[in-house]
Amino acid sequence: METASKKPGKLAKNLGLVGIGLCALCCALPIIGIVGGAGILATLALYAEKIAIVLLIISAASFAIWQYKKRQAPPACSVDCDCKPENTEAKSVAQLKTK
């Protein structure tokens, strides 16, 4: 009669194979992550590129509308221009004080 120490049982063999399989999976995970991650990033980039093109067109149109409205608006007065009555009065008072 053989003892259990001389011939490993079926359970030990299965546990050994499971251990080897888990070890191989653990070592392969970085490679799987890189390959899978690159695929996922490529898929996301495809959709993000389409969204970015749409947003670029919208922003260019918004900028063009802003430029058009800016050119159509009358020129703004500076702080001390003569077109505002309160500025002309302030200038005349300032000139009287300096004389």
PDB file of N, CA and C in Angstrom:
ATOM      1  N   MET A   1       0.836  -1.172   0.000  1.00  0.00           N
ATOM      2  CA  MET A   1       0.000   0.000   0.000  1.00  0.00           C
ATOM      3  C   MET A   1       0.887   1.244   0.000  1.00  0.00           C
ATOM      4  N   GLU A   2       0.526   2.153  -0.881  1.00  0.00           N
ATOM      5  CA  GLU A   2       1.311   3.368  -0.994  1.00  0.00           C
ATOM      6  C   GLU A   2       0.763   4.436  -0.064  1.00  0.00           C
ATOM      7  N   THR A   3       1.651   5.234   0.450  1.00  0.00           N
ATOM      8  CA  THR A   3       1.226   6.324   1.325  1.00  0.00           C
ATOM      9  C   THR A   3       0.927   7.563   0.482  1.00  0.00           C
ATOM     10  N   ALA A   4       0.250   8.473   1.104  1.00  0.00           N
ATOM     11  CA  ALA A   4      -0.153   9.701   0.401  1.00  0.00           C
ATOM     12  C   ALA A   4       1.046  10.602   0.132  1.00  0.00           C
ATOM     13  N   SER A   5       2.114  10.475   0.904  1.00  0.00           N
ATOM     14  CA  SER A   5       3.269  11.338   0.714  1.00  0.00           C
ATOM     15  C   SER A   5       4.058  10.952  -0.532  1.00  0.00           C
ATOM     16  N   LYS A   6       4.001   9.669  -0.945  1.00  0.00           N
ATOM     17  CA  LYS A   6       4.751   9.237  -2.110  1.00  0.00           C
ATOM     18  C   LYS A   6       4.057   9.634  -3.406  1.00  0.00           C
ATOM     19  N   LYS A   7       2.780   9.598  -3.481  1.00  0.00           N
ATOM     20  CA  LYS A   7       2.040   9.916  -4.707  1.00  0.00           C
ATOM     21  C   LYS A   7       1.035  11.019  -4.393  1.00  0.00           C
ATOM     22  N   PRO A   8       1.257  12.215  -4.986  1.00  0.00           N
ATOM     23  CA  PRO A   8       0.310  13.285  -4.702  1.00  0.00           C
ATOM     24  C   PRO A   8      -1.056  12.927  -5.254  1.00  0.00           C
ATOM     25  N   GLY A   9      -2.052  13.411  -4.570  1.00  0.00           N
ATOM     26  CA  GLY A   9      -3.412  13.117  -4.981  1.00  0.00           C
ATOM     27  C   GLY A   9      -3.882  14.011  -6.107  1.00  0.00           C
ATOM     28  N   LYS A  10      -5.063  13.745  -6.540  1.00  0.00           N
ATOM     29  CA  LYS A  10      -5.667  14.515  -7.630  1.00  0.00           C
ATOM     30  C   LYS A  10      -5.904  15.967  -7.189  1.00  0.00           C
ATOM     31  N   LEU A  11      -6.221  16.186  -5.937  1.00  0.00           N
ATOM     32  CA  LEU A  11      -6.455  17.534  -5.415  1.00  0.00           C
ATOM     33  C   LEU A  11      -5.190  18.384  -5.492  1.00  0.00           C
ATOM     34  N   ALA A  12      -4.071  17.808  -5.135  1.00  0.00           N
ATOM     35  CA  ALA A  12      -2.808  18.550  -5.181  1.00  0.00           C
ATOM     36  C   ALA A  12      -2.462  18.923  -6.621  1.00  0.00           C
ATOM     37  N   LYS A  13      -2.715  18.011  -7.541  1.00  0.00           N
ATOM     38  CA  LYS A  13      -2.440  18.278  -8.950  1.00  0.00           C
ATOM     39  C   LYS A  13      -3.324  19.417  -9.449  1.00  0.00           C
ATOM     40  N   ASN A  14      -4.583  19.383  -9.114  1.00  0.00           N
ATOM     41  CA  ASN A  14      -5.512  20.441  -9.554  1.00  0.00           C
ATOM     42  C   ASN A  14      -5.149  21.788  -8.938  1.00  0.00           C
ATOM     43  N   LEU A  15      -4.765  21.782  -7.653  1.00  0.00           N
ATOM     44  CA  LEU A  15      -4.365  23.036  -7.008  1.00  0.00           C
ATOM     45  C   LEU A  15      -3.097  23.595  -7.639  1.00  0.00           C
ATOM     46  N   GLY A  16      -2.192  22.715  -8.033  1.00  0.00           N
ATOM     47  CA  GLY A  16      -0.973  23.154  -8.708  1.00  0.00           C
ATOM     48  C   GLY A  16      -1.277  23.783 -10.051  1.00  0.00           C
ATOM     49  N   LEU A  17      -2.168  23.169 -10.799  1.00  0.00           N
ATOM     50  CA  LEU A  17      -2.542  23.725 -12.102  1.00  0.00           C
ATOM     51  C   LEU A  17      -3.276  25.067 -11.950  1.00  0.00           C
ATOM     52  N   VAL A  18      -4.135  25.164 -10.956  1.00  0.00           N
ATOM     53  CA  VAL A  18      -4.830  26.430 -10.702  1.00  0.00           C
ATOM     54  C   VAL A  18      -3.825  27.504 -10.317  1.00  0.00           C
ATOM     55  N   GLY A  19      -2.854  27.165  -9.492  1.00  0.00           N
ATOM     56  CA  GLY A  19      -1.810  28.118  -9.098  1.00  0.00           C
ATOM     57  C   GLY A  19      -1.002  28.593 -10.293  1.00  0.00           C
ATOM     58  N   ILE A  20      -0.633  27.662 -11.169  1.00  0.00           N
ATOM     59  CA  ILE A  20       0.116  28.037 -12.375  1.00  0.00           C
ATOM     60  C   ILE A  20      -0.733  28.942 -13.268  1.00  0.00           C
ATOM     61  N   GLY A  21      -2.001  28.607 -13.404  1.00  0.00           N
ATOM     62  CA  GLY A  21      -2.898  29.428 -14.223  1.00  0.00           C
ATOM     63  C   GLY A  21      -3.061  30.835 -13.662  1.00  0.00           C
ATOM     64  N   LEU A  22      -3.218  30.929 -12.337  1.00  0.00           N
ATOM     65  CA  LEU A  22      -3.344  32.250 -11.709  1.00  0.00           C
ATOM     66  C   LEU A  22      -2.055  33.044 -11.833  1.00  0.00           C
ATOM     67  N   CYS A  23      -0.932  32.372 -11.732  1.00  0.00           N
ATOM     68  CA  CYS A  23       0.355  33.051 -11.887  1.00  0.00           C
ATOM     69  C   CYS A  23       0.503  33.588 -13.316  1.00  0.00           C
ATOM     70  N   ALA A  24       0.131  32.777 -14.301  1.00  0.00           N
ATOM     71  CA  ALA A  24       0.207  33.218 -15.695  1.00  0.00           C
ATOM     72  C   ALA A  24      -0.731  34.395 -15.945  1.00  0.00           C
ATOM     73  N   LEU A  25      -1.919  34.332 -15.370  1.00  0.00           N
ATOM     74  CA  LEU A  25      -2.868  35.438 -15.518  1.00  0.00           C
ATOM     75  C   LEU A  25      -2.331  36.710 -14.882  1.00  0.00           C
ATOM     76  N   CYS A  26      -1.735  36.552 -13.709  1.00  0.00           N
ATOM     77  CA  CYS A  26      -1.183  37.716 -13.008  1.00  0.00           C
ATOM     78  C   CYS A  26      -0.059  38.348 -13.820  1.00  0.00           C
ATOM     79  N   CYS A  27       0.786  37.533 -14.415  1.00  0.00           N
ATOM     80  CA  CYS A  27       1.888  38.059 -15.221  1.00  0.00           C
ATOM     81  C   CYS A  27       1.392  38.649 -16.540  1.00  0.00           C
ATOM     82  N   ALA A  28       0.280  38.155 -17.046  1.00  0.00           N
ATOM     83  CA  ALA A  28      -0.251  38.630 -18.318  1.00  0.00           C
ATOM     84  C   ALA A  28      -1.138  39.866 -18.163  1.00  0.00           C
ATOM     85  N   LEU A  29      -1.556  40.173 -16.949  1.00  0.00           N
ATOM     86  CA  LEU A  29      -2.465  41.309 -16.757  1.00  0.00           C
ATOM     87  C   LEU A  29      -1.900  42.642 -17.254  1.00  0.00           C
ATOM     88  N   PRO A  30      -0.627  42.964 -17.002  1.00  0.00           N
ATOM     89  CA  PRO A  30      -0.127  44.234 -17.557  1.00  0.00           C
ATOM     90  C   PRO A  30      -0.204  44.291 -19.079  1.00  0.00           C
ATOM     91  N   ILE A  31       0.093  43.177 -19.724  1.00  0.00           N
ATOM     92  CA  ILE A  31       0.021  43.139 -21.191  1.00  0.00           C
ATOM     93  C   ILE A  31      -1.425  43.266 -21.648  1.00  0.00           C
ATOM     94  N   ILE A  32      -2.323  42.565 -20.986  1.00  0.00           N
ATOM     95  CA  ILE A  32      -3.747  42.658 -21.322  1.00  0.00           C
ATOM     96  C   ILE A  32      -4.252  44.084 -21.089  1.00  0.00           C
ATOM     97  N   GLY A  33      -3.804  44.690 -19.997  1.00  0.00           N
ATOM     98  CA  GLY A  33      -4.216  46.062 -19.698  1.00  0.00           C
ATOM     99  C   GLY A  33      -3.723  47.051 -20.736  1.00  0.00           C
ATOM    100  N   ILE A  34      -2.494  46.881 -21.182  1.00  0.00           N
ATOM    101  CA  ILE A  34      -1.952  47.794 -22.196  1.00  0.00           C
ATOM    102  C   ILE A  34      -2.699  47.637 -23.510  1.00  0.00           C
ATOM    103  N   VAL A  35      -2.889  46.394 -23.939  1.00  0.00           N
ATOM    104  CA  VAL A  35      -3.580  46.156 -25.208  1.00  0.00           C
ATOM    105  C   VAL A  35      -5.046  46.573 -25.112  1.00  0.00           C
ATOM    106  N   GLY A  36      -5.713  46.163 -24.045  1.00  0.00           N
ATOM    107  CA  GLY A  36      -7.119  46.536 -23.866  1.00  0.00           C
ATOM    108  C   GLY A  36      -7.280  48.015 -23.636  1.00  0.00           C
ATOM    109  N   GLY A  37      -6.371  48.594 -22.863  1.00  0.00           N
ATOM    110  CA  GLY A  37      -6.434  50.030 -22.592  1.00  0.00           C
ATOM    111  C   GLY A  37      -6.235  50.845 -23.851  1.00  0.00           C
ATOM    112  N   ALA A  38      -5.313  50.415 -24.703  1.00  0.00           N
ATOM    113  CA  ALA A  38      -5.077  51.132 -25.954  1.00  0.00           C
ATOM    114  C   ALA A  38      -6.307  51.049 -26.846  1.00  0.00           C
ATOM    115  N   GLY A  39      -6.949  49.899 -26.856  1.00  0.00           N
ATOM    116  CA  GLY A  39      -8.166  49.766 -27.659  1.00  0.00           C
ATOM    117  C   GLY A  39      -9.281  50.647 -27.151  1.00  0.00           C
ATOM    118  N   ILE A  40      -9.437  50.684 -25.840  1.00  0.00           N
ATOM    119  CA  ILE A  40     -10.479  51.522 -25.247  1.00  0.00           C
ATOM    120  C   ILE A  40     -10.177  52.994 -25.484  1.00  0.00           C
ATOM    121  N   LEU A  41      -8.892  53.380 -25.316  1.00  0.00           N
ATOM    122  CA  LEU A  41      -8.529  54.777 -25.566  1.00  0.00           C
ATOM    123  C   LEU A  41      -8.730  55.165 -27.022  1.00  0.00           C
ATOM    124  N   ALA A  42      -8.442  54.236 -27.937  1.00  0.00           N
ATOM    125  CA  ALA A  42      -8.660  54.528 -29.356  1.00  0.00           C
ATOM    126  C   ALA A  42     -10.141  54.714 -29.655  1.00  0.00           C
ATOM    127  N   THR A  43     -10.976  53.902 -29.036  1.00  0.00           N
ATOM    128  CA  THR A  43     -12.422  54.036 -29.238  1.00  0.00           C
ATOM    129  C   THR A  43     -12.928  55.358 -28.674  1.00  0.00           C
ATOM    130  N   LEU A  44     -12.471  55.698 -27.469  1.00  0.00           N
ATOM    131  CA  LEU A  44     -12.878  56.973 -26.874  1.00  0.00           C
ATOM    132  C   LEU A  44     -12.365  58.156 -27.684  1.00  0.00           C
ATOM    133  N   ALA A  45     -11.149  58.040 -28.210  1.00  0.00           N
ATOM    134  CA  ALA A  45     -10.584  59.125 -29.005  1.00  0.00           C
ATOM    135  C   ALA A  45     -11.379  59.345 -30.285  1.00  0.00           C
ATOM    136  N   LEU A  46     -11.907  58.276 -30.846  1.00  0.00           N
ATOM    137  CA  LEU A  46     -12.716  58.405 -32.052  1.00  0.00           C
ATOM    138  C   LEU A  46     -13.955  59.252 -31.789  1.00  0.00           C
ATOM    139  N   TYR A  47     -14.639  58.970 -30.688  1.00  0.00           N
ATOM    140  CA  TYR A  47     -15.821  59.748 -30.346  1.00  0.00           C
ATOM    141  C   TYR A  47     -15.450  61.162 -29.899  1.00  0.00           C
ATOM    142  N   ALA A  48     -14.365  61.273 -29.140  1.00  0.00           N
ATOM    143  CA  ALA A  48     -13.946  62.593 -28.661  1.00  0.00           C
ATOM    144  C   ALA A  48     -13.532  63.487 -29.824  1.00  0.00           C
ATOM    145  N   GLU A  49     -12.948  62.902 -30.861  1.00  0.00           N
ATOM    146  CA  GLU A  49     -12.543  63.698 -32.011  1.00  0.00           C
ATOM    147  C   GLU A  49     -13.754  64.265 -32.740  1.00  0.00           C
ATOM    148  N   LYS A  50     -14.804  63.467 -32.863  1.00  0.00           N
ATOM    149  CA  LYS A  50     -16.025  63.959 -33.507  1.00  0.00           C
ATOM    150  C   LYS A  50     -16.653  65.086 -32.698  1.00  0.00           C
ATOM    151  N   ILE A  51     -16.671  64.926 -31.384  1.00  0.00           N
ATOM    152  CA  ILE A  51     -17.222  65.969 -30.517  1.00  0.00           C
ATOM    153  C   ILE A  51     -16.363  67.223 -30.590  1.00  0.00           C
ATOM    154  N   ALA A  52     -15.041  67.040 -30.631  1.00  0.00           N
ATOM    155  CA  ALA A  52     -14.137  68.187 -30.687  1.00  0.00           C
ATOM    156  C   ALA A  52     -14.317  68.967 -31.988  1.00  0.00           C
ATOM    157  N   ILE A  53     -14.549  68.273 -33.086  1.00  0.00           N
ATOM    158  CA  ILE A  53     -14.762  68.961 -34.364  1.00  0.00           C
ATOM    159  C   ILE A  53     -16.032  69.797 -34.311  1.00  0.00           C
ATOM    160  N   VAL A  54     -17.085  69.245 -33.747  1.00  0.00           N
ATOM    161  CA  VAL A  54     -18.343  69.991 -33.615  1.00  0.00           C
ATOM    162  C   VAL A  54     -18.142  71.213 -32.717  1.00  0.00           C
ATOM    163  N   LEU A  55     -17.461  71.034 -31.589  1.00  0.00           N
ATOM    164  CA  LEU A  55     -17.219  72.163 -30.685  1.00  0.00           C
ATOM    165  C   LEU A  55     -16.324  73.221 -31.328  1.00  0.00           C
ATOM    166  N   LEU A  56     -15.369  72.801 -32.144  1.00  0.00           N
ATOM    167  CA  LEU A  56     -14.513  73.747 -32.846  1.00  0.00           C
ATOM    168  C   LEU A  56     -15.312  74.579 -33.839  1.00  0.00           C
ATOM    169  N   ILE A  57     -16.228  73.946 -34.542  1.00  0.00           N
ATOM    170  CA  ILE A  57     -17.078  74.675 -35.488  1.00  0.00           C
ATOM    171  C   ILE A  57     -17.978  75.659 -34.751  1.00  0.00           C
ATOM    172  N   ILE A  58     -18.547  75.229 -33.632  1.00  0.00           N
ATOM    173  CA  ILE A  58     -19.408  76.119 -32.845  1.00  0.00           C
ATOM    174  C   ILE A  58     -18.619  77.305 -32.307  1.00  0.00           C
ATOM    175  N   SER A  59     -17.407  77.052 -31.805  1.00  0.00           N
ATOM    176  CA  SER A  59     -16.615  78.148 -31.254  1.00  0.00           C
ATOM    177  C   SER A  59     -16.160  79.108 -32.355  1.00  0.00           C
ATOM    178  N   ALA A  60     -15.817  78.592 -33.535  1.00  0.00           N
ATOM    179  CA  ALA A  60     -15.426  79.470 -34.642  1.00  0.00           C
ATOM    180  C   ALA A  60     -16.609  80.329 -35.090  1.00  0.00           C
ATOM    181  N   ALA A  61     -17.797  79.734 -35.134  1.00  0.00           N
ATOM    182  CA  ALA A  61     -18.986  80.505 -35.505  1.00  0.00           C
ATOM    183  C   ALA A  61     -19.304  81.569 -34.456  1.00  0.00           C
ATOM    184  N   SER A  62     -19.166  81.218 -33.197  1.00  0.00           N
ATOM    185  CA  SER A  62     -19.409  82.188 -32.128  1.00  0.00           C
ATOM    186  C   SER A  62     -18.414  83.344 -32.201  1.00  0.00           C
ATOM    187  N   PHE A  63     -17.161  83.043 -32.486  1.00  0.00           N
ATOM    188  CA  PHE A  63     -16.145  84.087 -32.610  1.00  0.00           C
ATOM    189  C   PHE A  63     -16.445  84.990 -33.804  1.00  0.00           C
ATOM    190  N   ALA A  64     -16.881  84.394 -34.905  1.00  0.00           N
ATOM    191  CA  ALA A  64     -17.201  85.193 -36.090  1.00  0.00           C
ATOM    192  C   ALA A  64     -18.388  86.116 -35.822  1.00  0.00           C
ATOM    193  N   ILE A  65     -19.403  85.626 -35.138  1.00  0.00           N
ATOM    194  CA  ILE A  65     -20.561  86.455 -34.781  1.00  0.00           C
ATOM    195  C   ILE A  65     -20.140  87.579 -33.847  1.00  0.00           C
ATOM    196  N   TRP A  66     -19.279  87.283 -32.879  1.00  0.00           N
ATOM    197  CA  TRP A  66     -18.795  88.314 -31.947  1.00  0.00           C
ATOM    198  C   TRP A  66     -18.021  89.390 -32.697  1.00  0.00           C
ATOM    199  N   GLN A  67     -17.147  88.971 -33.633  1.00  0.00           N
ATOM    200  CA  GLN A  67     -16.384  89.945 -34.404  1.00  0.00           C
ATOM    201  C   GLN A  67     -17.305  90.813 -35.259  1.00  0.00           C
ATOM    202  N   TYR A  68     -18.326  90.213 -35.858  1.00  0.00           N
ATOM    203  CA  TYR A  68     -19.269  90.958 -36.694  1.00  0.00           C
ATOM    204  C   TYR A  68     -20.015  91.994 -35.860  1.00  0.00           C
ATOM    205  N   LYS A  69     -20.497  91.569 -34.699  1.00  0.00           N
ATOM    206  CA  LYS A  69     -21.225  92.513 -33.832  1.00  0.00           C
ATOM    207  C   LYS A  69     -20.310  93.606 -33.301  1.00  0.00           C
ATOM    208  N   LYS A  70     -19.056  93.262 -33.034  1.00  0.00           N
ATOM    209  CA  LYS A  70     -18.107  94.257 -32.536  1.00  0.00           C
ATOM    210  C   LYS A  70     -17.844  95.321 -33.602  1.00  0.00           C
ATOM    211  N   ARG A  71     -17.764  94.922 -34.853  1.00  0.00           N
ATOM    212  CA  ARG A  71     -17.525  95.883 -35.930  1.00  0.00           C
ATOM    213  C   ARG A  71     -18.755  96.725 -36.234  1.00  0.00           C
ATOM    214  N   GLN A  72     -19.943  96.182 -35.987  1.00  0.00           N
ATOM    215  CA  GLN A  72     -21.180  96.911 -36.248  1.00  0.00           C
ATOM    216  C   GLN A  72     -21.504  97.914 -35.141  1.00  0.00           C
ATOM    217  N   ALA A  73     -20.973  97.699 -33.951  1.00  0.00           N
ATOM    218  CA  ALA A  73     -21.261  98.585 -32.823  1.00  0.00           C
ATOM    219  C   ALA A  73     -20.555  99.926 -33.037  1.00  0.00           C
ATOM    220  N   PRO A  74     -21.179 101.014 -32.565  1.00  0.00           N
ATOM    221  CA  PRO A  74     -20.509 102.312 -32.686  1.00  0.00           C
ATOM    222  C   PRO A  74     -19.261 102.328 -31.807  1.00  0.00           C
ATOM    223  N   PRO A  75     -18.297 103.148 -32.156  1.00  0.00           N
ATOM    224  CA  PRO A  75     -17.078 103.204 -31.345  1.00  0.00           C
ATOM    225  C   PRO A  75     -17.386 103.694 -29.933  1.00  0.00           C
ATOM    226  N   ALA A  76     -16.729 103.109 -28.988  1.00  0.00           N
ATOM    227  CA  ALA A  76     -16.944 103.486 -27.588  1.00  0.00           C
ATOM    228  C   ALA A  76     -16.140 104.730 -27.260  1.00  0.00           C
ATOM    229  N   CYS A  77     -16.726 105.572 -26.420  1.00  0.00           N
ATOM    230  CA  CYS A  77     -16.012 106.769 -25.971  1.00  0.00           C
ATOM    231  C   CYS A  77     -14.962 106.379 -24.941  1.00  0.00           C
ATOM    232  N   SER A  78     -13.874 107.111 -24.955  1.00  0.00           N
ATOM    233  CA  SER A  78     -12.902 106.886 -23.896  1.00  0.00           C
ATOM    234  C   SER A  78     -13.365 107.656 -22.663  1.00  0.00           C
ATOM    235  N   VAL A  79     -12.682 107.515 -21.606  1.00  0.00           N
ATOM    236  CA  VAL A  79     -13.121 108.111 -20.342  1.00  0.00           C
ATOM    237  C   VAL A  79     -13.120 109.633 -20.409  1.00  0.00           C
ATOM    238  N   ASP A  80     -12.127 110.207 -21.064  1.00  0.00           N
ATOM    239  CA  ASP A  80     -12.029 111.668 -21.059  1.00  0.00           C
ATOM    240  C   ASP A  80     -12.248 112.279 -22.451  1.00  0.00           C
ATOM    241  N   CYS A  81     -13.164 111.725 -23.220  1.00  0.00           N
ATOM    242  CA  CYS A  81     -13.426 112.293 -24.540  1.00  0.00           C
ATOM    243  C   CYS A  81     -14.388 113.495 -24.418  1.00  0.00           C
ATOM    244  N   ASP A  82     -14.501 114.245 -25.498  1.00  0.00           N
ATOM    245  CA  ASP A  82     -15.345 115.440 -25.481  1.00  0.00           C
ATOM    246  C   ASP A  82     -16.772 115.167 -25.915  1.00  0.00           C
ATOM    247  N   CYS A  83     -17.120 113.925 -26.220  1.00  0.00           N
ATOM    248  CA  CYS A  83     -18.464 113.659 -26.702  1.00  0.00           C
ATOM    249  C   CYS A  83     -19.478 113.549 -25.566  1.00  0.00           C
ATOM    250  N   LYS A  84     -19.042 113.377 -24.357  1.00  0.00           N
ATOM    251  CA  LYS A  84     -19.960 113.298 -23.219  1.00  0.00           C
ATOM    252  C   LYS A  84     -20.024 114.671 -22.555  1.00  0.00           C
ATOM    253  N   PRO A  85     -21.233 115.159 -22.262  1.00  0.00           N
ATOM    254  CA  PRO A  85     -21.350 116.492 -21.666  1.00  0.00           C
ATOM    255  C   PRO A  85     -20.691 116.579 -20.284  1.00  0.00           C
ATOM    256  N   GLU A  86     -20.766 115.500 -19.510  1.00  0.00           N
ATOM    257  CA  GLU A  86     -20.164 115.587 -18.176  1.00  0.00           C
ATOM    258  C   GLU A  86     -18.645 115.678 -18.247  1.00  0.00           C
ATOM    259  N   ASN A  87     -18.049 115.137 -19.302  1.00  0.00           N
ATOM    260  CA  ASN A  87     -16.598 115.236 -19.444  1.00  0.00           C
ATOM    261  C   ASN A  87     -16.190 116.649 -19.871  1.00  0.00           C
ATOM    262  N   THR A  88     -16.983 117.279 -20.719  1.00  0.00           N
ATOM    263  CA  THR A  88     -16.632 118.637 -21.153  1.00  0.00           C
ATOM    264  C   THR A  88     -16.755 119.611 -19.987  1.00  0.00           C
ATOM    265  N   GLU A  89     -17.771 119.415 -19.135  1.00  0.00           N
ATOM    266  CA  GLU A  89     -17.923 120.274 -17.956  1.00  0.00           C
ATOM    267  C   GLU A  89     -16.770 120.071 -16.981  1.00  0.00           C
ATOM    268  N   ALA A  90     -16.362 118.818 -16.788  1.00  0.00           N
ATOM    269  CA  ALA A  90     -15.267 118.540 -15.861  1.00  0.00           C
ATOM    270  C   ALA A  90     -13.960 119.117 -16.372  1.00  0.00           C
ATOM    271  N   LYS A  91     -13.766 119.068 -17.684  1.00  0.00           N
ATOM    272  CA  LYS A  91     -12.540 119.629 -18.262  1.00  0.00           C
ATOM    273  C   LYS A  91     -12.525 121.156 -18.090  1.00  0.00           C
ATOM    274  N   SER A  92     -13.692 121.762 -18.313  1.00  0.00           N
ATOM    275  CA  SER A  92     -13.714 123.230 -18.202  1.00  0.00           C
ATOM    276  C   SER A  92     -13.490 123.673 -16.766  1.00  0.00           C
ATOM    277  N   VAL A  93     -14.038 122.930 -15.797  1.00  0.00           N
ATOM    278  CA  VAL A  93     -13.798 123.257 -14.391  1.00  0.00           C
ATOM    279  C   VAL A  93     -12.338 123.042 -14.046  1.00  0.00           C
ATOM    280  N   ALA A  94     -11.740 121.974 -14.556  1.00  0.00           N
ATOM    281  CA  ALA A  94     -10.335 121.692 -14.276  1.00  0.00           C
ATOM    282  C   ALA A  94      -9.449 122.771 -14.905  1.00  0.00           C
ATOM    283  N   GLN A  95      -9.820 123.248 -16.061  1.00  0.00           N
ATOM    284  CA  GLN A  95      -9.022 124.285 -16.718  1.00  0.00           C
ATOM    285  C   GLN A  95      -9.152 125.602 -15.964  1.00  0.00           C
ATOM    286  N   LEU A  96     -10.320 125.909 -15.422  1.00  0.00           N
ATOM    287  CA  LEU A  96     -10.500 127.140 -14.660  1.00  0.00           C
ATOM    288  C   LEU A  96      -9.680 127.100 -13.372  1.00  0.00           C
ATOM    289  N   LYS A  97      -9.606 125.936 -12.745  1.00  0.00           N
ATOM    290  CA  LYS A  97      -8.847 125.812 -11.490  1.00  0.00           C
ATOM    291  C   LYS A  97      -7.355 125.968 -11.724  1.00  0.00           C
ATOM    292  N   THR A  98      -6.848 125.531 -12.856  1.00  0.00           N
ATOM    293  CA  THR A  98      -5.424 125.629 -13.123  1.00  0.00           C
ATOM    294  C   THR A  98      -5.010 127.038 -13.547  1.00  0.00           C
ATOM    295  N   LYS A  99      -5.945 127.857 -14.011  1.00  0.00           N
ATOM    296  CA  LYS A  99      -5.609 129.220 -14.438  1.00  0.00           C
ATOM    297  C   LYS A  99      -5.544 130.173 -13.311  1.00  0.00           C
TER     298      LYS A  99
END
